[in-house]
Amino acid sequence: RTAENSVDKTWGKLKQEFQTLTAGAHRTNRGEVLQTNPLSPEQKA
C-alpha cells in the first residue's frame, strides 16, 4: 500500500515494471560486490 500510494500506481503495474530487474552477488577474495542491470526510465521514475 505504501508503494502504491507513493507512486500512484497499482501493485500489478509496479510488479510488471520491475520484473526485468535482476541483481547478482559476486564474491571475491576481497569481499562481495552487488550488481544490477541498468534501470529503465520507468524504473528510475
PDB file of all heavy atoms in Angstrom:
ATOM      1  N   ARG A   1       0.831  -1.216   0.000  1.00  0.00           N
ATOM      2  CA  ARG A   1       0.000   0.000   0.000  1.00  0.00           C
ATOM      3  C   ARG A   1       0.860   1.259   0.000  1.00  0.00           C
ATOM      4  O   ARG A   1       0.540   2.243  -0.668  1.00  0.00           O
ATOM      5  CB  ARG A   1      -0.932   0.016   1.212  1.00  0.00           C
ATOM      6  CG  ARG A   1      -1.962  -1.067   1.183  1.00  0.00           C
ATOM      7  CD  ARG A   1      -2.956  -0.855   0.052  1.00  0.00           C
ATOM      8  NE  ARG A   1      -3.928  -1.919   0.064  1.00  0.00           N
ATOM      9  CZ  ARG A   1      -4.191  -2.716  -0.946  1.00  0.00           C
ATOM     10  NH1 ARG A   1      -3.581  -2.542  -2.086  1.00  0.00           N
ATOM     11  NH2 ARG A   1      -5.070  -3.666  -0.855  1.00  0.00           N
ATOM     12  N   THR A   2       1.961   1.248   0.744  1.00  0.00           N
ATOM     13  CA  THR A   2       2.855   2.406   0.775  1.00  0.00           C
ATOM     14  C   THR A   2       3.471   2.644  -0.600  1.00  0.00           C
ATOM     15  O   THR A   2       3.542   3.784  -1.062  1.00  0.00           O
ATOM     16  CB  THR A   2       3.960   2.192   1.831  1.00  0.00           C
ATOM     17  OG1 THR A   2       3.352   1.977   3.103  1.00  0.00           O
ATOM     18  CG2 THR A   2       4.893   3.383   1.904  1.00  0.00           C
ATOM     19  N   ALA A   3       3.896   1.572  -1.255  1.00  0.00           N
ATOM     20  CA  ALA A   3       4.468   1.698  -2.602  1.00  0.00           C
ATOM     21  C   ALA A   3       3.424   2.225  -3.579  1.00  0.00           C
ATOM     22  O   ALA A   3       3.715   3.119  -4.385  1.00  0.00           O
ATOM     23  CB  ALA A   3       5.009   0.352  -3.063  1.00  0.00           C
ATOM     24  N   GLU A   4       2.207   1.692  -3.522  1.00  0.00           N
ATOM     25  CA  GLU A   4       1.138   2.148  -4.423  1.00  0.00           C
ATOM     26  C   GLU A   4       0.820   3.619  -4.210  1.00  0.00           C
ATOM     27  O   GLU A   4       0.691   4.381  -5.173  1.00  0.00           O
ATOM     28  CB  GLU A   4      -0.129   1.324  -4.200  1.00  0.00           C
ATOM     29  CG  GLU A   4      -0.073  -0.076  -4.730  1.00  0.00           C
ATOM     30  CD  GLU A   4      -1.337  -0.866  -4.419  1.00  0.00           C
ATOM     31  OE1 GLU A   4      -2.047  -0.537  -3.437  1.00  0.00           O
ATOM     32  OE2 GLU A   4      -1.614  -1.806  -5.166  1.00  0.00           O
ATOM     33  N   ASN A   5       0.711   4.034  -2.970  1.00  0.00           N
ATOM     34  CA  ASN A   5       0.345   5.424  -2.672  1.00  0.00           C
ATOM     35  C   ASN A   5       1.459   6.406  -3.002  1.00  0.00           C
ATOM     36  O   ASN A   5       1.188   7.553  -3.360  1.00  0.00           O
ATOM     37  CB  ASN A   5      -0.056   5.574  -1.206  1.00  0.00           C
ATOM     38  CG  ASN A   5      -1.369   4.882  -0.903  1.00  0.00           C
ATOM     39  OD1 ASN A   5      -2.203   4.707  -1.781  1.00  0.00           O
ATOM     40  ND2 ASN A   5      -1.549   4.480   0.335  1.00  0.00           N
ATOM     41  N   SER A   6       2.704   5.980  -2.896  1.00  0.00           N
ATOM     42  CA  SER A   6       3.801   6.917  -3.132  1.00  0.00           C
ATOM     43  C   SER A   6       4.027   7.182  -4.616  1.00  0.00           C
ATOM     44  O   SER A   6       4.550   8.232  -4.976  1.00  0.00           O
ATOM     45  CB  SER A   6       5.091   6.426  -2.478  1.00  0.00           C
ATOM     46  OG  SER A   6       5.508   5.223  -3.075  1.00  0.00           O
ATOM     47  N   VAL A   7       3.629   6.252  -5.493  1.00  0.00           N
ATOM     48  CA  VAL A   7       3.845   6.462  -6.930  1.00  0.00           C
ATOM     49  C   VAL A   7       2.545   6.489  -7.737  1.00  0.00           C
ATOM     50  O   VAL A   7       2.582   6.614  -8.954  1.00  0.00           O
ATOM     51  CB  VAL A   7       4.794   5.395  -7.521  1.00  0.00           C
ATOM     52  CG1 VAL A   7       6.178   5.531  -6.941  1.00  0.00           C
ATOM     53  CG2 VAL A   7       4.254   4.006  -7.341  1.00  0.00           C
ATOM     54  N   ASP A   8       1.405   6.371  -7.088  1.00  0.00           N
ATOM     55  CA  ASP A   8       0.092   6.391  -7.749  1.00  0.00           C
ATOM     56  C   ASP A   8      -0.029   5.347  -8.854  1.00  0.00           C
ATOM     57  O   ASP A   8      -0.512   5.622  -9.948  1.00  0.00           O
ATOM     58  CB  ASP A   8      -0.217   7.785  -8.314  1.00  0.00           C
ATOM     59  CG  ASP A   8      -0.503   8.787  -7.219  1.00  0.00           C
ATOM     60  OD1 ASP A   8      -1.011   8.370  -6.161  1.00  0.00           O
ATOM     61  OD2 ASP A   8      -0.208   9.980  -7.413  1.00  0.00           O
ATOM     62  N   LYS A   9       0.461   4.140  -8.581  1.00  0.00           N
ATOM     63  CA  LYS A   9       0.326   3.011  -9.499  1.00  0.00           C
ATOM     64  C   LYS A   9      -0.132   1.803  -8.706  1.00  0.00           C
ATOM     65  O   LYS A   9       0.097   1.714  -7.506  1.00  0.00           O
ATOM     66  CB  LYS A   9       1.652   2.692 -10.188  1.00  0.00           C
ATOM     67  CG  LYS A   9       2.114   3.766 -11.140  1.00  0.00           C
ATOM     68  CD  LYS A   9       3.334   3.329 -11.878  1.00  0.00           C
ATOM     69  CE  LYS A   9       3.762   4.434 -12.839  1.00  0.00           C
ATOM     70  NZ  LYS A   9       4.864   4.017 -13.660  1.00  0.00           N
ATOM     71  N   THR A  10      -0.758   0.868  -9.400  1.00  0.00           N
ATOM     72  CA  THR A  10      -1.193  -0.346  -8.713  1.00  0.00           C
ATOM     73  C   THR A  10      -0.005  -1.271  -8.503  1.00  0.00           C
ATOM     74  O   THR A  10       1.034  -1.164  -9.172  1.00  0.00           O
ATOM     75  CB  THR A  10      -2.260  -1.086  -9.535  1.00  0.00           C
ATOM     76  OG1 THR A  10      -1.679  -1.531 -10.757  1.00  0.00           O
ATOM     77  CG2 THR A  10      -3.460  -0.200  -9.805  1.00  0.00           C
ATOM     78  N   TRP A  11      -0.164  -2.206  -7.582  1.00  0.00           N
ATOM     79  CA  TRP A  11       0.896  -3.164  -7.298  1.00  0.00           C
ATOM     80  C   TRP A  11       1.193  -4.012  -8.535  1.00  0.00           C
ATOM     81  O   TRP A  11       2.350  -4.323  -8.812  1.00  0.00           O
ATOM     82  CB  TRP A  11       0.519  -4.045  -6.113  1.00  0.00           C
ATOM     83  CG  TRP A  11       1.577  -5.030  -5.783  1.00  0.00           C
ATOM     84  CD1 TRP A  11       1.510  -6.379  -5.900  1.00  0.00           C
ATOM     85  CD2 TRP A  11       2.888  -4.756  -5.285  1.00  0.00           C
ATOM     86  NE1 TRP A  11       2.690  -6.960  -5.507  1.00  0.00           N
ATOM     87  CE2 TRP A  11       3.548  -5.984  -5.123  1.00  0.00           C
ATOM     88  CE3 TRP A  11       3.563  -3.577  -4.966  1.00  0.00           C
ATOM     89  CZ2 TRP A  11       4.859  -6.065  -4.660  1.00  0.00           C
ATOM     90  CZ3 TRP A  11       4.869  -3.679  -4.502  1.00  0.00           C
ATOM     91  CH2 TRP A  11       5.501  -4.902  -4.358  1.00  0.00           C
ATOM     92  N   GLY A  12       0.171  -4.352  -9.303  1.00  0.00           N
ATOM     93  CA  GLY A  12       0.380  -5.137 -10.515  1.00  0.00           C
ATOM     94  C   GLY A  12       1.265  -4.416 -11.522  1.00  0.00           C
ATOM     95  O   GLY A  12       2.151  -5.023 -12.132  1.00  0.00           O
ATOM     96  N   LYS A  13       1.030  -3.120 -11.697  1.00  0.00           N
ATOM     97  CA  LYS A  13       1.853  -2.330 -12.626  1.00  0.00           C
ATOM     98  C   LYS A  13       3.279  -2.189 -12.107  1.00  0.00           C
ATOM     99  O   LYS A  13       4.238  -2.254 -12.875  1.00  0.00           O
ATOM    100  CB  LYS A  13       1.228  -0.962 -12.873  1.00  0.00           C
ATOM    101  CG  LYS A  13      -0.023  -1.033 -13.706  1.00  0.00           C
ATOM    102  CD  LYS A  13      -0.583   0.341 -13.973  1.00  0.00           C
ATOM    103  CE  LYS A  13      -1.855   0.220 -14.787  1.00  0.00           C
ATOM    104  NZ  LYS A  13      -2.452   1.511 -15.078  1.00  0.00           N
ATOM    105  N   LEU A  14       3.425  -1.965 -10.807  1.00  0.00           N
ATOM    106  CA  LEU A  14       4.765  -1.863 -10.229  1.00  0.00           C
ATOM    107  C   LEU A  14       5.529  -3.173 -10.393  1.00  0.00           C
ATOM    108  O   LEU A  14       6.711  -3.181 -10.763  1.00  0.00           O
ATOM    109  CB  LEU A  14       4.682  -1.499  -8.745  1.00  0.00           C
ATOM    110  CG  LEU A  14       4.315  -0.064  -8.421  1.00  0.00           C
ATOM    111  CD1 LEU A  14       4.039   0.084  -6.937  1.00  0.00           C
ATOM    112  CD2 LEU A  14       5.416   0.870  -8.856  1.00  0.00           C
ATOM    113  N   LYS A  15       4.850  -4.277 -10.127  1.00  0.00           N
ATOM    114  CA  LYS A  15       5.483  -5.585 -10.255  1.00  0.00           C
ATOM    115  C   LYS A  15       5.910  -5.843 -11.697  1.00  0.00           C
ATOM    116  O   LYS A  15       6.998  -6.348 -11.954  1.00  0.00           O
ATOM    117  CB  LYS A  15       4.508  -6.658  -9.776  1.00  0.00           C
ATOM    118  CG  LYS A  15       5.150  -7.904  -9.269  1.00  0.00           C
ATOM    119  CD  LYS A  15       4.170  -8.754  -8.487  1.00  0.00           C
ATOM    120  CE  LYS A  15       3.314  -9.550  -9.424  1.00  0.00           C
ATOM    121  NZ  LYS A  15       2.520 -10.575  -8.758  1.00  0.00           N
ATOM    122  N   GLN A  16       5.069  -5.454 -12.631  1.00  0.00           N
ATOM    123  CA  GLN A  16       5.366  -5.641 -14.040  1.00  0.00           C
ATOM    124  C   GLN A  16       6.566  -4.790 -14.468  1.00  0.00           C
ATOM    125  O   GLN A  16       7.415  -5.248 -15.227  1.00  0.00           O
ATOM    126  CB  GLN A  16       4.142  -5.280 -14.877  1.00  0.00           C
ATOM    127  CG  GLN A  16       4.248  -5.619 -16.330  1.00  0.00           C
ATOM    128  CD  GLN A  16       2.955  -5.312 -17.063  1.00  0.00           C
ATOM    129  OE1 GLN A  16       2.152  -4.485 -16.621  1.00  0.00           O
ATOM    130  NE2 GLN A  16       2.743  -5.979 -18.178  1.00  0.00           N
ATOM    131  N   GLU A  17       6.649  -3.555 -13.977  1.00  0.00           N
ATOM    132  CA  GLU A  17       7.761  -2.679 -14.322  1.00  0.00           C
ATOM    133  C   GLU A  17       9.094  -3.219 -13.816  1.00  0.00           C
ATOM    134  O   GLU A  17      10.115  -3.087 -14.481  1.00  0.00           O
ATOM    135  CB  GLU A  17       7.536  -1.276 -13.759  1.00  0.00           C
ATOM    136  CG  GLU A  17       6.595  -0.442 -14.560  1.00  0.00           C
ATOM    137  CD  GLU A  17       6.447   0.959 -14.012  1.00  0.00           C
ATOM    138  OE1 GLU A  17       7.262   1.383 -13.166  1.00  0.00           O
ATOM    139  OE2 GLU A  17       5.500   1.636 -14.439  1.00  0.00           O
ATOM    140  N   PHE A  18       9.083  -3.807 -12.634  1.00  0.00           N
ATOM    141  CA  PHE A  18      10.336  -4.271 -12.033  1.00  0.00           C
ATOM    142  C   PHE A  18      10.626  -5.742 -12.310  1.00  0.00           C
ATOM    143  O   PHE A  18      11.592  -6.295 -11.782  1.00  0.00           O
ATOM    144  CB  PHE A  18      10.322  -3.997 -10.528  1.00  0.00           C
ATOM    145  CG  PHE A  18      10.547  -2.548 -10.216  1.00  0.00           C
ATOM    146  CD1 PHE A  18       9.483  -1.701  -9.990  1.00  0.00           C
ATOM    147  CD2 PHE A  18      11.825  -2.033 -10.169  1.00  0.00           C
ATOM    148  CE1 PHE A  18       9.681  -0.359  -9.726  1.00  0.00           C
ATOM    149  CE2 PHE A  18      12.044  -0.697  -9.898  1.00  0.00           C
ATOM    150  CZ  PHE A  18      10.971   0.141  -9.673  1.00  0.00           C
ATOM    151  N   GLN A  19       9.814  -6.383 -13.146  1.00  0.00           N
ATOM    152  CA  GLN A  19      10.004  -7.796 -13.462  1.00  0.00           C
ATOM    153  C   GLN A  19      11.365  -8.043 -14.126  1.00  0.00           C
ATOM    154  O   GLN A  19      11.972  -9.081 -13.921  1.00  0.00           O
ATOM    155  CB  GLN A  19       8.878  -8.264 -14.387  1.00  0.00           C
ATOM    156  CG  GLN A  19       8.696  -9.741 -14.453  1.00  0.00           C
ATOM    157  CD  GLN A  19       8.036 -10.290 -13.201  1.00  0.00           C
ATOM    158  OE1 GLN A  19       7.248  -9.627 -12.565  1.00  0.00           O
ATOM    159  NE2 GLN A  19       8.373 -11.498 -12.856  1.00  0.00           N
ATOM    160  N   THR A  20      11.848  -7.087 -14.909  1.00  0.00           N
ATOM    161  CA  THR A  20      13.097  -7.278 -15.644  1.00  0.00           C
ATOM    162  C   THR A  20      14.338  -6.949 -14.816  1.00  0.00           C
ATOM    163  O   THR A  20      15.450  -7.218 -15.256  1.00  0.00           O
ATOM    164  CB  THR A  20      13.116  -6.407 -16.910  1.00  0.00           C
ATOM    165  OG1 THR A  20      12.978  -5.036 -16.525  1.00  0.00           O
ATOM    166  CG2 THR A  20      11.978  -6.791 -17.841  1.00  0.00           C
ATOM    167  N   LEU A  21      14.155  -6.384 -13.655  1.00  0.00           N
ATOM    168  CA  LEU A  21      15.289  -6.004 -12.808  1.00  0.00           C
ATOM    169  C   LEU A  21      15.892  -7.245 -12.163  1.00  0.00           C
ATOM    170  O   LEU A  21      15.189  -8.045 -11.543  1.00  0.00           O
ATOM    171  CB  LEU A  21      14.844  -5.023 -11.723  1.00  0.00           C
ATOM    172  CG  LEU A  21      15.939  -4.431 -10.849  1.00  0.00           C
ATOM    173  CD1 LEU A  21      16.916  -3.616 -11.691  1.00  0.00           C
ATOM    174  CD2 LEU A  21      15.336  -3.571  -9.777  1.00  0.00           C
ATOM    175  N   THR A  22      17.183  -7.426 -12.357  1.00  0.00           N
ATOM    176  CA  THR A  22      17.880  -8.560 -11.749  1.00  0.00           C
ATOM    177  C   THR A  22      19.055  -8.048 -10.935  1.00  0.00           C
ATOM    178  O   THR A  22      19.595  -6.977 -11.194  1.00  0.00           O
ATOM    179  CB  THR A  22      18.398  -9.542 -12.821  1.00  0.00           C
ATOM    180  OG1 THR A  22      19.275  -8.842 -13.708  1.00  0.00           O
ATOM    181  CG2 THR A  22      17.254 -10.157 -13.608  1.00  0.00           C
ATOM    182  N   ALA A  23      19.439  -8.815  -9.960  1.00  0.00           N
ATOM    183  CA  ALA A  23      20.586  -8.470  -9.112  1.00  0.00           C
ATOM    184  C   ALA A  23      21.460  -9.701  -8.968  1.00  0.00           C
ATOM    185  O   ALA A  23      20.972 -10.826  -8.920  1.00  0.00           O
ATOM    186  CB  ALA A  23      20.122  -7.987  -7.741  1.00  0.00           C
ATOM    187  N   GLY A  24      22.744  -9.460  -8.912  1.00  0.00           N
ATOM    188  CA  GLY A  24      23.681 -10.562  -8.741  1.00  0.00           C
ATOM    189  C   GLY A  24      24.700 -10.226  -7.675  1.00  0.00           C
ATOM    190  O   GLY A  24      25.081  -9.063  -7.502  1.00  0.00           O
ATOM    191  N   ALA A  25      25.131 -11.233  -6.966  1.00  0.00           N
ATOM    192  CA  ALA A  25      26.170 -11.065  -5.942  1.00  0.00           C
ATOM    193  C   ALA A  25      27.414 -11.813  -6.412  1.00  0.00           C
ATOM    194  O   ALA A  25      27.341 -12.991  -6.776  1.00  0.00           O
ATOM    195  CB  ALA A  25      25.702 -11.599  -4.605  1.00  0.00           C
ATOM    196  N   HIS A  26      28.521 -11.115  -6.433  1.00  0.00           N
ATOM    197  CA  HIS A  26      29.781 -11.707  -6.855  1.00  0.00           C
ATOM    198  C   HIS A  26      30.739 -11.691  -5.673  1.00  0.00           C
ATOM    199  O   HIS A  26      31.032 -10.636  -5.123  1.00  0.00           O
ATOM    200  CB  HIS A  26      30.370 -10.925  -8.031  1.00  0.00           C
ATOM    201  CG  HIS A  26      29.419 -10.739  -9.163  1.00  0.00           C
ATOM    202  ND1 HIS A  26      29.139 -11.729 -10.058  1.00  0.00           N
ATOM    203  CD2 HIS A  26      28.660  -9.676  -9.526  1.00  0.00           C
ATOM    204  CE1 HIS A  26      28.263 -11.292 -10.937  1.00  0.00           C
ATOM    205  NE2 HIS A  26      27.949 -10.037 -10.628  1.00  0.00           N
ATOM    206  N   ARG A  27      31.213 -12.855  -5.285  1.00  0.00           N
ATOM    207  CA  ARG A  27      32.140 -12.953  -4.158  1.00  0.00           C
ATOM    208  C   ARG A  27      33.558 -13.106  -4.678  1.00  0.00           C
ATOM    209  O   ARG A  27      33.826 -13.927  -5.550  1.00  0.00           O
ATOM    210  CB  ARG A  27      31.773 -14.143  -3.277  1.00  0.00           C
ATOM    211  CG  ARG A  27      30.490 -13.935  -2.529  1.00  0.00           C
ATOM    212  CD  ARG A  27      30.288 -14.988  -1.451  1.00  0.00           C
ATOM    213  NE  ARG A  27      28.994 -14.775  -0.834  1.00  0.00           N
ATOM    214  CZ  ARG A  27      27.921 -15.492  -1.114  1.00  0.00           C
ATOM    215  NH1 ARG A  27      27.981 -16.485  -1.968  1.00  0.00           N
ATOM    216  NH2 ARG A  27      26.774 -15.231  -0.524  1.00  0.00           N
ATOM    217  N   THR A  28      34.444 -12.322  -4.104  1.00  0.00           N
ATOM    218  CA  THR A  28      35.859 -12.403  -4.443  1.00  0.00           C
ATOM    219  C   THR A  28      36.654 -12.538  -3.153  1.00  0.00           C
ATOM    220  O   THR A  28      36.089 -12.524  -2.054  1.00  0.00           O
ATOM    221  CB  THR A  28      36.320 -11.141  -5.207  1.00  0.00           C
ATOM    222  OG1 THR A  28      36.230 -10.010  -4.332  1.00  0.00           O
ATOM    223  CG2 THR A  28      35.481 -10.898  -6.448  1.00  0.00           C
ATOM    224  N   ASN A  29      37.942 -12.641  -3.288  1.00  0.00           N
ATOM    225  CA  ASN A  29      38.795 -12.709  -2.095  1.00  0.00           C
ATOM    226  C   ASN A  29      38.751 -11.415  -1.294  1.00  0.00           C
ATOM    227  O   ASN A  29      38.988 -11.419  -0.098  1.00  0.00           O
ATOM    228  CB  ASN A  29      40.240 -13.009  -2.503  1.00  0.00           C
ATOM    229  CG  ASN A  29      40.390 -14.397  -3.087  1.00  0.00           C
ATOM    230  OD1 ASN A  29      39.556 -15.271  -2.828  1.00  0.00           O
ATOM    231  ND2 ASN A  29      41.419 -14.607  -3.872  1.00  0.00           N
ATOM    232  N   ARG A  30      38.435 -10.316  -1.951  1.00  0.00           N
ATOM    233  CA  ARG A  30      38.412  -9.006  -1.291  1.00  0.00           C
ATOM    234  C   ARG A  30      37.048  -8.639  -0.723  1.00  0.00           C
ATOM    235  O   ARG A  30      36.905  -7.633  -0.058  1.00  0.00           O
ATOM    236  CB  ARG A  30      38.842  -7.930  -2.266  1.00  0.00           C
ATOM    237  CG  ARG A  30      40.275  -8.056  -2.683  1.00  0.00           C
ATOM    238  CD  ARG A  30      40.640  -6.923  -3.574  1.00  0.00           C
ATOM    239  NE  ARG A  30      42.053  -6.958  -3.879  1.00  0.00           N
ATOM    240  CZ  ARG A  30      42.676  -6.025  -4.539  1.00  0.00           C
ATOM    241  NH1 ARG A  30      42.000  -4.975  -4.978  1.00  0.00           N
ATOM    242  NH2 ARG A  30      43.965  -6.129  -4.786  1.00  0.00           N
ATOM    243  N   GLY A  31      36.023  -9.424  -1.004  1.00  0.00           N
ATOM    244  CA  GLY A  31      34.694  -9.112  -0.480  1.00  0.00           C
ATOM    245  C   GLY A  31      33.616  -9.475  -1.474  1.00  0.00           C
ATOM    246  O   GLY A  31      33.814 -10.276  -2.379  1.00  0.00           O
ATOM    247  N   GLU A  32      32.474  -8.844  -1.310  1.00  0.00           N
ATOM    248  CA  GLU A  32      31.318  -9.135  -2.137  1.00  0.00           C
ATOM    249  C   GLU A  32      30.892  -7.887  -2.895  1.00  0.00           C
ATOM    250  O   GLU A  32      30.888  -6.789  -2.347  1.00  0.00           O
ATOM    251  CB  GLU A  32      30.170  -9.626  -1.250  1.00  0.00           C
ATOM    252  CG  GLU A  32      28.969 -10.107  -1.998  1.00  0.00           C
ATOM    253  CD  GLU A  32      27.917 -10.684  -1.074  1.00  0.00           C
ATOM    254  OE1 GLU A  32      27.289  -9.888  -0.356  1.00  0.00           O
ATOM    255  OE2 GLU A  32      27.726 -11.907  -1.082  1.00  0.00           O
ATOM    256  N   VAL A  33      30.524  -8.055  -4.158  1.00  0.00           N
ATOM    257  CA  VAL A  33      30.066  -6.963  -5.000  1.00  0.00           C
ATOM    258  C   VAL A  33      28.648  -7.285  -5.442  1.00  0.00           C
ATOM    259  O   VAL A  33      28.377  -8.376  -5.942  1.00  0.00           O
ATOM    260  CB  VAL A  33      30.976  -6.794  -6.242  1.00  0.00           C
ATOM    261  CG1 VAL A  33      30.440  -5.704  -7.149  1.00  0.00           C
ATOM    262  CG2 VAL A  33      32.397  -6.505  -5.831  1.00  0.00           C
ATOM    263  N   LEU A  34      27.727  -6.350  -5.240  1.00  0.00           N
ATOM    264  CA  LEU A  34      26.351  -6.500  -5.695  1.00  0.00           C
ATOM    265  C   LEU A  34      26.178  -5.678  -6.963  1.00  0.00           C
ATOM    266  O   LEU A  34      26.617  -4.525  -7.028  1.00  0.00           O
ATOM    267  CB  LEU A  34      25.366  -6.028  -4.624  1.00  0.00           C
ATOM    268  CG  LEU A  34      25.427  -6.772  -3.303  1.00  0.00           C
ATOM    269  CD1 LEU A  34      24.500  -6.128  -2.295  1.00  0.00           C
ATOM    270  CD2 LEU A  34      25.078  -8.234  -3.481  1.00  0.00           C
ATOM    271  N   GLN A  35      25.545  -6.277  -7.972  1.00  0.00           N
ATOM    272  CA  GLN A  35      25.394  -5.610  -9.254  1.00  0.00           C
ATOM    273  C   GLN A  35      23.993  -5.851  -9.792  1.00  0.00           C
ATOM    274  O   GLN A  35      23.440  -6.940  -9.653  1.00  0.00           O
ATOM    275  CB  GLN A  35      26.428  -6.152 -10.237  1.00  0.00           C
ATOM    276  CG  GLN A  35      26.457  -5.465 -11.560  1.00  0.00           C
ATOM    277  CD  GLN A  35      27.561  -6.023 -12.444  1.00  0.00           C
ATOM    278  OE1 GLN A  35      28.132  -7.068 -12.171  1.00  0.00           O
ATOM    279  NE2 GLN A  35      27.862  -5.314 -13.501  1.00  0.00           N
ATOM    280  N   THR A  36      23.407  -4.811 -10.399  1.00  0.00           N
ATOM    281  CA  THR A  36      22.097  -4.939 -11.043  1.00  0.00           C
ATOM    282  C   THR A  36      22.226  -4.545 -12.507  1.00  0.00           C
ATOM    283  O   THR A  36      23.204  -3.888 -12.897  1.00  0.00           O
ATOM    284  CB  THR A  36      21.041  -4.025 -10.393  1.00  0.00           C
ATOM    285  OG1 THR A  36      21.428  -2.667 -10.599  1.00  0.00           O
ATOM    286  CG2 THR A  36      20.892  -4.304  -8.913  1.00  0.00           C
ATOM    287  N   ASN A  37      21.249  -4.941 -13.301  1.00  0.00           N
ATOM    288  CA  ASN A  37      21.227  -4.470 -14.680  1.00  0.00           C
ATOM    289  C   ASN A  37      20.786  -3.005 -14.680  1.00  0.00           C
ATOM    290  O   ASN A  37      20.212  -2.524 -13.709  1.00  0.00           O
ATOM    291  CB  ASN A  37      20.314  -5.343 -15.541  1.00  0.00           C
ATOM    292  CG  ASN A  37      18.895  -5.413 -15.031  1.00  0.00           C
ATOM    293  OD1 ASN A  37      18.665  -5.431 -13.825  1.00  0.00           O
ATOM    294  ND2 ASN A  37      17.942  -5.467 -15.924  1.00  0.00           N
ATOM    295  N   PRO A  38      21.050  -2.275 -15.757  1.00  0.00           N
ATOM    296  CA  PRO A  38      20.672  -0.846 -15.791  1.00  0.00           C
ATOM    297  C   PRO A  38      19.164  -0.678 -15.653  1.00  0.00           C
ATOM    298  O   PRO A  38      18.376  -1.466 -16.165  1.00  0.00           O
ATOM    299  CB  PRO A  38      21.149  -0.387 -17.180  1.00  0.00           C
ATOM    300  CG  PRO A  38      22.164  -1.386 -17.601  1.00  0.00           C
ATOM    301  CD  PRO A  38      21.777  -2.686 -16.959  1.00  0.00           C
ATOM    302  N   LEU A  39      18.782   0.393 -14.965  1.00  0.00           N
ATOM    303  CA  LEU A  39      17.357   0.700 -14.760  1.00  0.00           C
ATOM    304  C   LEU A  39      16.779   1.340 -16.014  1.00  0.00           C
ATOM    305  O   LEU A  39      17.429   2.131 -16.676  1.00  0.00           O
ATOM    306  CB  LEU A  39      17.176   1.656 -13.591  1.00  0.00           C
ATOM    307  CG  LEU A  39      17.568   1.153 -12.202  1.00  0.00           C
ATOM    308  CD1 LEU A  39      17.445   2.281 -11.191  1.00  0.00           C
ATOM    309  CD2 LEU A  39      16.720  -0.012 -11.803  1.00  0.00           C
ATOM    310  N   SER A  40      15.537   0.991 -16.305  1.00  0.00           N
ATOM    311  CA  SER A  40      14.818   1.624 -17.409  1.00  0.00           C
ATOM    312  C   SER A  40      14.353   3.011 -16.945  1.00  0.00           C
ATOM    313  O   SER A  40      14.319   3.287 -15.741  1.00  0.00           O
ATOM    314  CB  SER A  40      13.618   0.770 -17.811  1.00  0.00           C
ATOM    315  OG  SER A  40      12.640   0.802 -16.795  1.00  0.00           O
ATOM    316  N   PRO A  41      13.976   3.877 -17.882  1.00  0.00           N
ATOM    317  CA  PRO A  41      13.469   5.205 -17.456  1.00  0.00           C
ATOM    318  C   PRO A  41      12.254   5.109 -16.527  1.00  0.00           C
ATOM    319  O   PRO A  41      12.109   5.910 -15.607  1.00  0.00           O
ATOM    320  CB  PRO A  41      13.098   5.874 -18.785  1.00  0.00           C
ATOM    321  CG  PRO A  41      13.955   5.195 -19.813  1.00  0.00           C
ATOM    322  CD  PRO A  41      14.120   3.782 -19.321  1.00  0.00           C
ATOM    323  N   GLU A  42      11.369   4.125 -16.769  1.00  0.00           N
ATOM    324  CA  GLU A  42      10.198   3.962 -15.911  1.00  0.00           C
ATOM    325  C   GLU A  42      10.601   3.551 -14.499  1.00  0.00           C
ATOM    326  O   GLU A  42      10.038   4.011 -13.512  1.00  0.00           O
ATOM    327  CB  GLU A  42       9.246   2.915 -16.495  1.00  0.00           C
ATOM    328  CG  GLU A  42       8.611   3.307 -17.807  1.00  0.00           C
ATOM    329  CD  GLU A  42       9.505   3.013 -19.009  1.00  0.00           C
ATOM    330  OE1 GLU A  42      10.500   2.262 -18.859  1.00  0.00           O
ATOM    331  OE2 GLU A  42       9.236   3.550 -20.082  1.00  0.00           O
ATOM    332  N   GLN A  43      11.591   2.657 -14.391  1.00  0.00           N
ATOM    333  CA  GLN A  43      12.068   2.224 -13.078  1.00  0.00           C
ATOM    334  C   GLN A  43      12.736   3.370 -12.347  1.00  0.00           C
ATOM    335  O   GLN A  43      12.575   3.531 -11.143  1.00  0.00           O
ATOM    336  CB  GLN A  43      13.027   1.048 -13.231  1.00  0.00           C
ATOM    337  CG  GLN A  43      12.360  -0.216 -13.705  1.00  0.00           C
ATOM    338  CD  GLN A  43      13.353  -1.289 -14.113  1.00  0.00           C
ATOM    339  OE1 GLN A  43      14.506  -0.999 -14.428  1.00  0.00           O
ATOM    340  NE2 GLN A  43      12.909  -2.534 -14.118  1.00  0.00           N
ATOM    341  N   LYS A  44      13.485   4.197 -13.069  1.00  0.00           N
ATOM    342  CA  LYS A  44      14.127   5.352 -12.449  1.00  0.00           C
ATOM    343  C   LYS A  44      13.093   6.340 -11.914  1.00  0.00           C
ATOM    344  O   LYS A  44      13.276   6.955 -10.879  1.00  0.00           O
ATOM    345  CB  LYS A  44      15.048   6.064 -13.447  1.00  0.00           C
ATOM    346  CG  LYS A  44      16.332   5.338 -13.698  1.00  0.00           C
ATOM    347  CD  LYS A  44      17.203   6.112 -14.664  1.00  0.00           C
ATOM    348  CE  LYS A  44      18.460   5.349 -14.966  1.00  0.00           C
ATOM    349  NZ  LYS A  44      19.313   6.045 -15.938  1.00  0.00           N
ATOM    350  N   ALA A  45      11.987   6.491 -12.652  1.00  0.00           N
ATOM    351  CA  ALA A  45      10.938   7.418 -12.221  1.00  0.00           C
ATOM    352  C   ALA A  45      10.298   6.987 -10.914  1.00  0.00           C
ATOM    353  O   ALA A  45       9.924   7.807 -10.093  1.00  0.00           O
ATOM    354  CB  ALA A  45       9.876   7.551 -13.312  1.00  0.00           C
TER     355      ALA A  45
END
